[in-house]
Protein backbone atom coordinates (compact mmCIF):
# COMPACT_ATOMS: atom_id res chain seq x y z
CA MET A 1 -34.20 -16.05 6.81
CA SER A 2 -35.85 -15.38 3.52
CA ARG A 3 -35.65 -11.61 3.58
CA ARG A 4 -32.16 -9.73 3.29
CA PRO A 5 -30.46 -9.49 6.49
CA ARG A 6 -30.41 -6.24 8.06
CA VAL A 7 -27.00 -5.44 9.06
CA LEU A 8 -25.57 -2.17 10.99
CA LEU A 9 -21.84 -1.73 10.64
CA ALA A 10 -20.21 0.58 13.36
CA ALA A 11 -17.02 2.41 13.30
CA SER A 12 -14.99 5.36 14.06
CA GLU A 13 -14.07 6.06 10.36
CA ALA A 14 -15.26 5.04 7.01
CA TYR A 15 -13.94 6.39 3.67
CA PRO A 16 -15.13 8.88 1.97
CA LEU A 17 -16.41 10.28 5.13
CA ILE A 18 -13.51 10.16 7.57
CA LYS A 19 -10.32 8.20 7.20
CA THR A 20 -6.95 7.96 9.38
CA GLY A 21 -5.67 4.57 8.08
CA GLY A 22 -6.92 1.10 6.93
CA LEU A 23 -9.90 0.80 9.24
CA GLY A 24 -11.60 3.86 7.24
CA ASP A 25 -10.92 2.20 3.96
CA VAL A 26 -12.18 -1.27 5.28
CA VAL A 27 -15.37 0.10 6.70
CA GLY A 28 -15.96 2.48 3.65
CA ALA A 29 -15.57 -0.44 1.18
CA LEU A 30 -17.26 -3.50 2.98
CA PRO A 31 -21.07 -2.12 3.07
CA ALA A 32 -21.34 -1.56 -0.48
CA ALA A 33 -19.90 -5.08 -1.18
CA LEU A 34 -22.39 -6.49 1.25
CA ARG A 35 -25.08 -4.63 -0.29
CA ALA A 36 -23.97 -6.35 -3.47
CA VAL A 37 -24.68 -9.60 -2.49
CA GLY A 38 -27.89 -9.08 -1.04
CA VAL A 39 -27.50 -7.75 2.37
CA ASP A 40 -29.24 -4.39 3.71
CA ALA A 41 -26.09 -3.04 5.37
CA ARG A 42 -26.33 0.41 6.90
CA LEU A 43 -23.44 2.40 8.44
CA VAL A 44 -23.06 4.23 11.66
CA LEU A 45 -20.49 6.82 12.69
CA PRO A 46 -19.80 9.62 15.08
CA ALA A 47 -20.89 13.10 13.19
CA TYR A 48 -17.25 14.69 13.29
CA PRO A 49 -17.36 17.77 11.28
CA ALA A 50 -15.34 16.13 8.48
CA ALA A 51 -18.10 13.65 8.06
CA LEU A 52 -21.04 16.54 8.16
CA ALA A 53 -19.03 18.07 5.45
CA ALA A 54 -18.74 14.91 3.24
CA VAL A 55 -22.68 14.53 3.60
CA PRO A 56 -24.15 18.00 3.46
CA THR A 57 -27.82 16.70 2.44
CA ALA A 58 -27.81 14.88 6.25
CA ARG A 59 -31.12 15.38 8.04
CA ALA A 60 -32.35 14.95 11.58
CA ILE A 61 -34.27 12.06 11.93
CA ALA A 62 -34.28 11.68 16.12
CA ARG A 63 -33.54 13.39 19.19
CA SER A 64 -32.78 11.67 22.16
CA ALA A 65 -30.79 12.01 25.81
CA LEU A 66 -28.77 9.04 26.66
CA TYR A 67 -27.70 9.32 30.16
CA GLY A 68 -28.24 12.96 30.16
CA THR A 69 -26.36 13.68 27.02
CA PRO A 70 -28.10 15.41 24.10
CA LEU A 71 -27.51 13.54 20.68
CA THR A 72 -29.28 13.79 17.35
CA LEU A 73 -29.58 10.95 14.85
CA LEU A 74 -28.95 12.00 11.22
CA GLN A 75 -29.23 9.96 8.18
CA ALA A 76 -27.99 10.48 4.66
CA GLU A 77 -26.91 8.61 1.78
CA LEU A 78 -24.07 7.79 -0.31
CA PRO A 79 -23.82 6.77 -3.79
CA ILE A 80 -22.76 3.25 -4.79
CA ASP A 81 -21.75 2.46 -8.17
CA GLY A 82 -24.27 0.43 -9.84
CA GLY A 83 -26.42 -0.02 -6.91
CA ARG A 84 -28.75 1.56 -4.54
CA PRO A 85 -27.37 4.40 -2.07
CA LEU A 86 -26.09 3.24 1.22
CA PRO A 87 -27.84 4.57 4.29
CA VAL A 88 -25.58 6.09 6.72
CA TYR A 89 -26.55 7.21 9.78
CA LEU A 90 -24.45 9.92 11.96
CA ILE A 91 -24.55 10.38 15.61
CA GLN A 92 -24.27 14.11 16.45
CA ALA A 93 -23.50 15.49 19.95
CA THR A 94 -21.09 18.01 21.56
CA ALA A 95 -18.22 15.23 22.10
CA PHE A 96 -17.77 14.79 18.31
CA GLU A 97 -17.71 18.40 17.30
CA ARG A 98 -13.81 19.11 17.39
CA SER A 99 -11.11 20.13 14.97
CA GLY A 100 -8.67 17.52 14.62
CA ASN A 101 -9.15 13.65 13.69
CA PRO A 102 -11.43 11.40 15.31
CA TYR A 103 -8.87 10.76 18.21
CA GLN A 104 -6.54 13.55 18.49
CA ASP A 105 -6.64 17.20 18.52
CA VAL A 106 -4.54 18.99 15.76
CA THR A 107 -1.53 19.05 17.68
CA GLY A 108 -1.40 15.24 17.63
CA GLN A 109 -2.75 14.27 21.25
CA ASP A 110 -5.58 11.98 22.13
CA TRP A 111 -8.37 13.34 23.16
CA PRO A 112 -8.36 12.71 27.09
CA ASP A 113 -12.18 11.78 26.85
CA ASN A 114 -11.78 9.26 23.94
CA PRO A 115 -13.37 6.35 26.27
CA ALA A 116 -16.49 8.72 27.07
CA ARG A 117 -16.78 9.75 23.70
CA PHE A 118 -16.97 6.08 21.90
CA THR A 119 -19.12 4.95 24.80
CA LEU A 120 -21.55 7.53 24.08
CA PHE A 121 -21.18 6.62 20.20
CA CYS A 122 -21.72 3.06 21.30
CA ARG A 123 -25.23 3.76 23.27
CA GLY A 124 -26.45 5.55 20.34
CA ALA A 125 -25.53 2.98 18.02
CA ALA A 126 -27.14 0.27 20.31
CA ALA A 127 -30.31 2.58 20.53
CA LEU A 128 -30.28 2.56 16.83
CA ALA A 129 -29.76 -1.04 16.33
CA LEU A 130 -32.89 -1.57 18.61
CA GLY A 131 -35.00 0.25 16.74
CA HIS A 132 -35.27 3.10 19.14
CA LEU A 133 -34.04 5.91 17.25
CA ALA A 134 -35.03 4.91 13.72
CA PRO A 135 -38.12 3.23 14.29
CA ASP A 136 -38.63 1.97 10.40
CA TRP A 137 -35.40 -0.14 10.72
CA ARG A 138 -33.91 -2.45 13.25
CA ALA A 139 -30.80 -4.34 12.77
CA ASP A 140 -30.68 -8.17 12.85
CA VAL A 141 -26.93 -8.17 13.12
CA VAL A 142 -24.81 -5.54 14.18
CA HIS A 143 -21.07 -5.61 13.06
CA ALA A 144 -18.81 -3.53 15.42
CA HIS A 145 -15.19 -2.70 14.25
CA ASP A 146 -12.11 -2.09 16.65
CA TRP A 147 -12.04 -0.94 20.19
CA GLN A 148 -14.13 2.67 19.32
CA ALA A 149 -17.25 0.12 18.96
CA GLY A 150 -16.31 -2.67 21.32
CA LEU A 151 -18.72 -1.63 23.91
CA LEU A 152 -21.40 -2.41 21.42
CA PRO A 153 -21.61 -6.25 21.61
CA ALA A 154 -21.62 -5.57 25.62
CA LEU A 155 -24.59 -3.09 25.72
CA LEU A 156 -26.64 -5.11 23.54
CA SER A 157 -25.91 -8.44 25.44
CA LEU A 158 -27.88 -6.79 28.04
CA GLU A 159 -31.08 -6.60 25.74
CA PRO A 160 -33.63 -9.63 25.88
CA LYS A 161 -34.44 -9.13 22.66
CA ARG A 162 -31.33 -8.15 20.44
CA PRO A 163 -29.57 -8.31 17.37
CA ARG A 164 -26.78 -10.91 16.92
CA THR A 165 -23.45 -9.53 17.28
CA VAL A 166 -19.82 -9.52 15.24
CA PHE A 167 -16.98 -7.95 16.45
CA THR A 168 -14.11 -7.47 14.08
CA VAL A 169 -10.21 -7.21 15.18
CA HIS A 170 -8.35 -4.75 13.17
CA ASN A 171 -5.59 -4.29 15.27
CA LEU A 172 -5.43 -5.87 18.56
CA ALA A 173 -2.62 -3.52 19.76
CA TYR A 174 -5.22 -0.56 20.36
CA GLN A 175 -7.37 -1.65 23.16
CA GLY A 176 -9.17 1.34 24.52
CA LEU A 177 -7.80 1.53 27.88
CA VAL A 178 -9.48 2.99 30.76
CA ALA A 179 -7.95 3.89 33.99
CA GLY A 180 -10.07 3.16 37.10
CA ALA A 181 -10.88 6.52 38.25
CA ASP A 182 -12.19 7.56 34.50
CA ALA A 183 -14.03 4.09 34.00
CA ASP A 184 -16.32 5.04 36.83
CA THR A 185 -17.58 7.80 34.93
CA LEU A 186 -18.75 5.75 32.06
CA GLY A 187 -21.71 4.45 33.99
CA LEU A 188 -21.01 0.78 32.91
CA PRO A 189 -22.37 -2.21 35.10
CA ALA A 190 -20.28 -2.92 38.10
CA ASP A 191 -20.00 -6.68 37.33
CA TRP A 192 -18.03 -5.52 34.05
CA TRP A 193 -15.17 -4.87 36.37
CA SER A 194 -13.91 -8.16 36.09
CA PRO A 195 -11.48 -10.13 33.96
CA ASP A 196 -14.33 -12.26 32.52
CA ALA A 197 -15.72 -8.95 31.04
CA LEU A 198 -13.83 -5.71 30.67
CA GLU A 199 -10.84 -5.66 33.34
CA PHE A 200 -7.49 -5.84 31.94
CA TYR A 201 -4.77 -6.05 34.55
CA GLY A 202 -6.37 -3.20 36.63
CA GLN A 203 -7.88 -0.98 33.63
CA LEU A 204 -10.75 -1.48 31.63
CA ALA A 205 -10.14 -2.50 27.89
CA LEU A 206 -13.01 -1.44 26.03
CA ILE A 207 -11.94 -3.73 23.14
CA LYS A 208 -13.07 -6.42 25.70
CA GLY A 209 -16.30 -5.65 25.15
CA GLY A 210 -16.24 -7.11 21.69
CA LEU A 211 -14.03 -9.98 22.59
CA ALA A 212 -15.61 -11.12 25.66
CA PHE A 213 -19.43 -10.41 24.64
CA ALA A 214 -19.83 -10.71 20.77
CA ASP A 215 -21.68 -13.82 19.14
CA ARG A 216 -18.85 -14.07 16.63
CA ILE A 217 -14.98 -12.48 16.61
CA THR A 218 -13.36 -11.92 13.41
CA THR A 219 -9.91 -10.79 12.22
CA VAL A 220 -8.93 -9.32 9.16
CA SER A 221 -6.90 -12.16 7.88
CA PRO A 222 -6.68 -16.22 8.77
CA ARG A 223 -3.13 -15.91 9.83
CA TYR A 224 -3.60 -13.04 12.19
CA ALA A 225 -6.47 -15.17 13.61
CA GLN A 226 -3.95 -17.46 14.70
CA GLU A 227 -0.93 -15.18 15.54
CA ILE A 228 -3.36 -13.55 18.21
CA GLN A 229 -3.85 -16.68 20.11
CA THR A 230 -0.59 -16.59 20.95
CA ALA A 231 1.49 -14.60 23.68
CA GLU A 232 3.98 -13.05 20.87
CA PHE A 233 1.02 -11.08 19.11
CA GLY A 234 -1.68 -11.57 21.41
CA CYS A 235 -1.25 -8.17 23.29
CA GLY A 236 -2.01 -9.79 26.83
CA LEU A 237 -5.63 -10.85 25.48
CA ASP A 238 -4.29 -14.25 23.74
CA GLY A 239 -5.58 -16.26 26.88
CA LEU A 240 -9.00 -14.72 26.08
CA LEU A 241 -9.05 -15.35 22.38
CA ARG A 242 -7.80 -19.00 22.71
CA TYR A 243 -10.89 -19.36 25.16
CA ARG A 244 -13.31 -17.97 22.60
CA SER A 245 -11.52 -19.81 19.38
CA ALA A 246 -14.54 -21.93 18.55
CA VAL A 247 -16.30 -18.22 17.53
CA LEU A 248 -13.09 -16.72 16.40
CA VAL A 249 -12.41 -16.82 12.23
CA GLY A 250 -10.05 -14.76 9.98
CA ILE A 251 -11.59 -12.98 6.61
CA LEU A 252 -9.10 -11.56 4.77
CA ASN A 253 -9.83 -7.97 3.71
CA GLY A 254 -10.37 -6.86 0.14
CA ILE A 255 -9.84 -3.61 -1.41
CA ASP A 256 -12.03 -1.00 -3.76
CA THR A 257 -10.78 -2.03 -7.16
CA GLU A 258 -12.71 0.75 -8.49
CA LEU A 259 -10.67 3.42 -6.44
CA TRP A 260 -7.55 1.54 -6.80
CA ASN A 261 -7.28 1.05 -10.33
CA PRO A 262 -4.11 2.30 -12.61
CA ALA A 263 -6.21 1.75 -15.62
CA THR A 264 -8.79 4.66 -14.34
CA ASP A 265 -6.92 6.31 -11.57
CA PRO A 266 -7.43 10.08 -12.10
CA ALA A 267 -4.14 10.89 -9.88
CA LEU A 268 -1.73 9.32 -11.95
CA ALA A 269 0.44 10.94 -14.97
CA ALA A 270 -0.24 7.75 -17.04
CA ARG A 271 -2.54 5.07 -16.99
CA TYR A 272 -2.09 1.52 -17.75
CA ASP A 273 -2.93 -2.05 -17.00
CA ALA A 274 -1.35 -5.46 -17.58
CA HIS A 275 -1.51 -4.94 -21.39
CA SER A 276 0.04 -1.49 -21.05
CA LEU A 277 2.73 -1.98 -18.32
CA GLU A 278 5.38 -0.18 -20.06
CA ARG A 279 3.27 3.07 -19.03
CA LYS A 280 4.21 2.66 -15.69
CA ALA A 281 7.78 4.12 -16.16
CA ILE A 282 5.85 7.31 -17.37
CA ASP A 283 4.47 7.29 -13.46
CA LYS A 284 7.80 6.36 -12.45
CA ALA A 285 9.65 9.67 -13.95
CA ALA A 286 6.88 11.92 -12.89
CA LEU A 287 7.06 10.60 -9.33
CA GLN A 288 10.85 11.43 -9.47
CA THR A 289 10.12 14.63 -10.44
CA GLU A 290 7.41 15.29 -7.95
CA LEU A 291 9.73 14.24 -5.15
CA GLY A 292 12.62 15.57 -6.18
CA LEU A 293 14.46 12.38 -6.84
CA ALA A 294 17.21 11.87 -9.65
CA ALA A 295 15.73 11.26 -12.87
CA GLU A 296 17.27 7.42 -13.26
CA PRO A 297 15.02 5.23 -15.03
CA ASP A 298 17.10 2.25 -14.27
CA ALA A 299 17.04 2.76 -10.46
CA LEU A 300 14.91 0.25 -8.50
CA LEU A 301 12.71 3.01 -6.51
CA LEU A 302 11.05 1.46 -3.49
CA GLY A 303 7.82 3.13 -1.92
CA MET A 304 6.12 3.38 0.97
CA VAL A 305 3.08 5.03 2.49
CA SER A 306 2.29 4.12 6.00
CA ARG A 307 1.58 5.48 9.72
CA LEU A 308 5.15 5.81 11.23
CA VAL A 309 4.98 3.62 14.06
CA GLU A 310 6.82 0.92 15.20
CA GLN A 311 4.54 -1.69 14.27
CA LYS A 312 5.10 -0.73 10.27
CA GLY A 313 9.23 -1.58 11.05
CA VAL A 314 9.80 2.12 10.36
CA ASP A 315 13.08 1.56 12.44
CA LEU A 316 14.33 -1.45 10.24
CA LEU A 317 13.81 0.68 7.11
CA LEU A 318 15.62 3.48 8.80
CA ALA A 319 18.57 1.39 9.55
CA ALA A 320 18.77 -0.25 5.90
CA LEU A 321 18.59 3.41 4.64
CA GLY A 322 22.64 3.73 5.86
CA SER A 323 23.55 0.89 3.34
CA LEU A 324 21.49 1.24 0.31
CA PRO A 325 22.85 -0.33 -2.86
CA ALA A 326 23.70 1.64 -5.38
CA GLY A 327 21.08 2.06 -8.10
CA VAL A 328 18.20 2.14 -5.31
CA GLN A 329 16.02 4.90 -4.43
CA VAL A 330 13.14 5.49 -1.66
CA ALA A 331 10.19 7.54 -1.44
CA VAL A 332 8.13 7.46 1.63
CA LEU A 333 4.79 9.36 2.62
CA GLY A 334 3.51 8.99 6.24
CA SER A 335 3.02 10.88 9.73
CA GLY A 336 3.26 9.53 13.17
CA GLN A 337 6.19 9.18 15.81
CA ALA A 338 8.35 12.39 15.91
CA GLU A 339 11.39 10.56 16.11
CA TYR A 340 10.51 8.84 12.78
CA GLU A 341 9.62 11.96 11.13
CA ALA A 342 12.74 13.66 12.09
CA ALA A 343 14.85 10.63 11.05
CA LEU A 344 13.47 10.42 7.66
CA THR A 345 13.85 14.04 7.23
CA ALA A 346 17.37 13.99 8.17
CA ALA A 347 18.02 10.86 5.60
CA ALA A 348 16.37 12.33 3.09
CA ALA A 349 18.74 15.50 3.43
CA GLN A 350 21.58 13.38 3.80
CA HIS A 351 20.94 11.93 0.25
CA PRO A 352 19.04 13.97 -2.20
CA GLY A 353 18.01 12.75 -5.08
CA GLN A 354 18.13 9.04 -3.78
CA ILE A 355 15.47 9.28 -0.56
CA ALA A 356 12.42 11.37 -0.48
CA PHE A 357 10.03 11.87 2.50
CA LYS A 358 6.96 13.84 2.67
CA ALA A 359 5.10 14.31 6.22
CA GLY A 360 1.45 13.50 6.28
CA TYR A 361 -0.94 12.20 4.47
CA ASP A 362 -2.24 12.80 0.87
CA GLU A 363 -4.50 10.61 -1.05
CA GLY A 364 -3.09 11.57 -4.27
CA LEU A 365 0.40 11.23 -3.61
CA ALA A 366 -0.51 7.90 -2.14
CA HIS A 367 -1.88 6.59 -5.71
CA ARG A 368 1.18 8.16 -7.19
CA ILE A 369 3.74 6.40 -5.28
CA GLN A 370 1.65 3.12 -5.68
CA ALA A 371 2.18 3.45 -9.44
CA GLY A 372 5.39 4.97 -9.75
CA ALA A 373 7.52 2.77 -7.45
CA ASP A 374 8.87 -0.45 -8.82
CA ALA A 375 8.65 -2.10 -5.27
CA TYR A 376 6.90 -1.39 -2.05
CA VAL A 377 8.17 -2.21 1.32
CA MET A 378 6.36 -3.37 4.18
CA PRO A 379 8.70 -4.60 6.93
CA SER A 380 6.14 -4.80 9.46
CA ARG A 381 6.43 -6.19 13.29
CA PHE A 382 3.06 -7.67 12.93
CA GLU A 383 0.23 -6.60 10.16
CA PRO A 384 -3.44 -7.82 10.78
CA CYS A 385 -4.10 -7.82 7.14
CA GLY A 386 -2.69 -4.85 5.52
CA LEU A 387 -3.97 -3.20 2.45
CA THR A 388 -1.17 -1.15 0.84
CA GLN A 389 0.21 -4.36 -0.40
CA LEU A 390 -2.70 -5.23 -1.78
CA TYR A 391 -3.11 -2.04 -3.65
CA ALA A 392 0.58 -2.52 -4.76
CA LEU A 393 0.02 -6.15 -6.19
CA ARG A 394 -2.93 -4.12 -8.32
CA TYR A 395 -0.53 -1.58 -9.42
CA GLY A 396 2.24 -3.84 -10.41
CA THR A 397 4.55 -2.70 -7.74
CA VAL A 398 6.30 -5.96 -6.13
CA PRO A 399 5.77 -5.89 -2.56
CA ILE A 400 8.53 -6.60 0.04
CA VAL A 401 7.09 -7.88 3.02
CA ARG A 402 7.58 -9.51 6.31
CA ALA A 403 5.80 -13.05 6.98
CA VAL A 404 3.40 -11.98 9.10
CA GLY A 405 -0.19 -11.57 9.45
CA GLY A 406 -2.17 -10.75 6.28
CA LEU A 407 1.01 -10.18 4.56
CA ALA A 408 1.70 -13.84 4.66
CA ASP A 409 -1.39 -14.48 3.52
CA THR A 410 -1.20 -12.35 0.38
CA VAL A 411 2.36 -12.20 -1.01
CA VAL A 412 3.94 -15.19 -2.43
CA ASP A 413 7.94 -15.51 -2.05
CA ALA A 414 10.02 -15.20 -5.25
CA THR A 415 11.69 -18.63 -4.64
CA ALA A 416 13.01 -20.29 -7.74
CA ALA A 417 10.34 -22.98 -7.28
CA ASN A 418 7.56 -20.39 -6.93
CA LEU A 419 8.80 -18.19 -10.06
CA ALA A 420 8.94 -21.50 -11.96
CA ALA A 421 5.30 -22.50 -11.03
CA GLY A 422 4.24 -18.81 -11.72
CA ARG A 423 2.83 -18.33 -8.33
CA ALA A 424 5.64 -15.72 -7.01
CA THR A 425 4.34 -12.12 -6.41
CA GLY A 426 6.74 -10.47 -4.09
CA ILE A 427 9.80 -10.70 -1.71
CA VAL A 428 9.16 -12.20 1.72
CA PHE A 429 11.60 -12.21 4.58
CA GLU A 430 11.31 -13.46 8.21
CA PRO A 431 13.44 -11.96 10.73
CA ALA A 432 12.28 -8.21 12.20
CA SER A 433 15.98 -6.89 11.47
CA SER A 434 17.54 -4.24 9.37
CA ALA A 435 19.98 -7.12 7.74
CA ALA A 436 16.86 -9.15 6.78
CA LEU A 437 15.11 -6.16 5.23
CA ALA A 438 18.20 -4.93 3.25
CA GLN A 439 18.82 -8.76 2.06
CA ALA A 440 15.17 -8.60 0.57
CA ILE A 441 16.11 -5.22 -1.27
CA GLN A 442 19.10 -6.95 -2.74
CA ARG A 443 16.94 -9.63 -3.70
CA ALA A 444 14.65 -7.48 -5.22
CA LEU A 445 17.18 -5.35 -7.02
CA ASP A 446 18.71 -8.41 -8.40
CA LEU A 447 15.51 -9.43 -9.78
CA TYR A 448 14.86 -6.19 -11.37
CA ARG A 449 18.07 -6.00 -13.16
CA ALA A 450 17.12 -9.31 -14.59
CA GLY A 451 14.16 -8.03 -16.41
CA ALA A 452 12.11 -11.26 -17.20
CA PRO A 453 11.66 -12.61 -13.76
CA TRP A 454 10.52 -8.93 -12.46
CA ARG A 455 7.94 -8.81 -14.99
CA GLN A 456 6.32 -11.87 -14.30
CA LEU A 457 6.22 -11.16 -10.90
CA GLN A 458 4.36 -7.69 -11.59
CA LEU A 459 1.85 -9.29 -14.09
CA THR A 460 1.16 -12.27 -11.78
CA GLY A 461 0.52 -9.76 -8.77
CA MET A 462 -1.58 -7.80 -11.08
CA ALA A 463 -3.71 -10.83 -11.99
CA GLN A 464 -4.89 -11.48 -8.33
CA ASP A 465 -8.26 -11.09 -7.34
CA HIS A 466 -8.44 -9.11 -4.06
CA SER A 467 -11.86 -7.47 -4.68
CA TRP A 468 -14.32 -7.27 -1.88
CA GLN A 469 -16.69 -9.84 -3.41
CA ARG A 470 -14.92 -12.61 -1.90
CA ALA A 471 -14.93 -11.21 1.41
CA ALA A 472 -18.44 -9.93 1.60
CA GLY A 473 -19.57 -13.45 0.72
CA SER A 474 -17.67 -14.91 3.53
CA TYR A 475 -19.38 -12.22 6.05
CA LEU A 476 -22.97 -13.21 4.51
CA THR A 477 -22.37 -16.52 5.34
CA LEU A 478 -21.43 -15.79 8.95
CA TYR A 479 -24.54 -13.39 9.10
CA ARG A 480 -26.63 -16.41 7.92
CA GLN A 481 -25.16 -18.98 10.41
CA LEU A 482 -25.61 -16.38 13.14
CA LEU A 483 -29.26 -15.79 12.29
CA ALA A 484 -29.98 -19.64 11.67
CA ALA A 485 -28.65 -20.47 15.42
């Protein structure tokens, strides 16, 4: 194909329009990176109130009624540094006009009609991709992300002249399960109620719309692409993924290196780079003051910004907090399961000055934790890619991670051999146990107190290139292969 490939990226969230986690970061950054390598990339999202507020210039360009449900297609543009603005489409319908986040109400409860809401989104996105809603543009490739967009490849498979389809799994554990009675209301083809299509142990799994029907499947790291083909990490879908392994590939996520840059970050008390790393101490002192931690410059300050769910190994950290070595402080920002929030609140109350916990999410504080912490803790039970360890590397904050998924792909353990070779970037441990995490923290403390090896870890980590340019090139190759087939 001589012209620029036209690619529609479909997802339930994308920064800066709406974000609840890593999916929003990835889908927010990838389109701009694709446009930089010659792709006519465009983005489609539901028109949540927060998204509409982020682009007040959005204008209606089409109206339709899919299966009797009125919807409006809005178009806006997002500025891109050094490039042409990114076209963004928003699918407006009453199902998306709610307070709360894209998936839950203000009390944290899932919207019971989420399957119907995202089925409507996928129908609208399919109509857009086929040129039915925006007649001046039609997609060559539709790139759908996670279960909320999982029906897109399945719906497009019904069309005789359709775009090629790519489906990216960001987290296989979230599958969009629909009970039988509710599934009947979605208006999907009867033959999709089959293990070869969407049926999954007596329910429908909307994620299977992508896994079973997409022309290509990607995951967000090479190791996770292998892990999800095993019973341990496959969440019951490993058989299907092994069957489709020929079209499955892992492409490691990048990060927005402009947004996450300690040399220019406006959220920090002091900006720094690899040549002025001593200024990181100013951010550490400021973070200790902000969070009520003891003003101890020589303490090893561990940071964590995370959803507080079992996947993230929060229970391992909680168990390790009871036996923290002297000279170690902990700062945690996050929200999630009530029992984890309560336990972290109790730990902070029991150990004032040593442990700090802030419930919720604060973008500025997330940046300040990355800059002010000495080490960053990710004891995940599984981790498709992980972004915060990449932010940590960029900020000279040494990651302490489990050897799973993207963590294993991006952090090199500080063994004696790796340190001697100048390859080490962090501390890597294997078992999902509090004892293994505690041992990893002790290793970090020993290296931190040794001085020179710690400085080497920081500088080697900061020298890594985890920009989106590499990933965008891999996706461009994938799109071209699909269009040439």
